[in-house]
């Protein structure tokens, strides 16, 4: 099969690829924000010391982390219409699934970050008369977020790579855009090579930025 370099004409690819790239980036952003919010809640539940909060949070986190993401995507997409009685679009399914799945991973990152803060900080907040919520919001979490920022961003890069799995339910992401372009122009090999190059450039660039950020945080410490 002959390789055709002329396929990489951006005017031919842009209509197919850009819309897929936008959705992949949008899914990454929404899943990161939602995952951090719900992951923080799960982490606080697990650190609360109250069994009625610790047990469900632990089951959820360990359960999600033990199942492949593509299976969760397929389950949600196929079962939710049966449960709700209405069709759920591929994009909506992808967003809901990624938030629920990534919350389990961000929860572990948040829990480790909170536990990395010296206990003296907690005792100092209590000595000032702060409640548990005030202590977490004003003292612990700001320091924990700074410590965890490189790891959170690294997980976000992995999340962006995982967005290609929505291909399984037909969502129009970056990989789907390249595949569609390859089919329409009869160049599937060039399309997949192009997709790999784009994923590599984006992820390598973000990884380089995370390393720079990690060094700056280390200097501040």
Foldseek 3Di string as FASTA:
>chain_A
DDADPVLPDCVLQVVLQVVQAVLLVVLLVLLLVLLLVLLQVLLCLCVVPDCVSNVVSVCQLVVLVVDDLLVLLVCQQPCVCVVVVHHDDLSRSSSVSSNSNSNSVSNVLLNVLLVVDDCVLVVVCVVVVDDPVCSCVPTRVVNSCLVSVLVSLLVSLVSSVCSVSSVVVPDRHNLNSLCVSCVVVVNNPVSVVVSVVVSCVVSVVSNVVSVVSVVVSVVVD
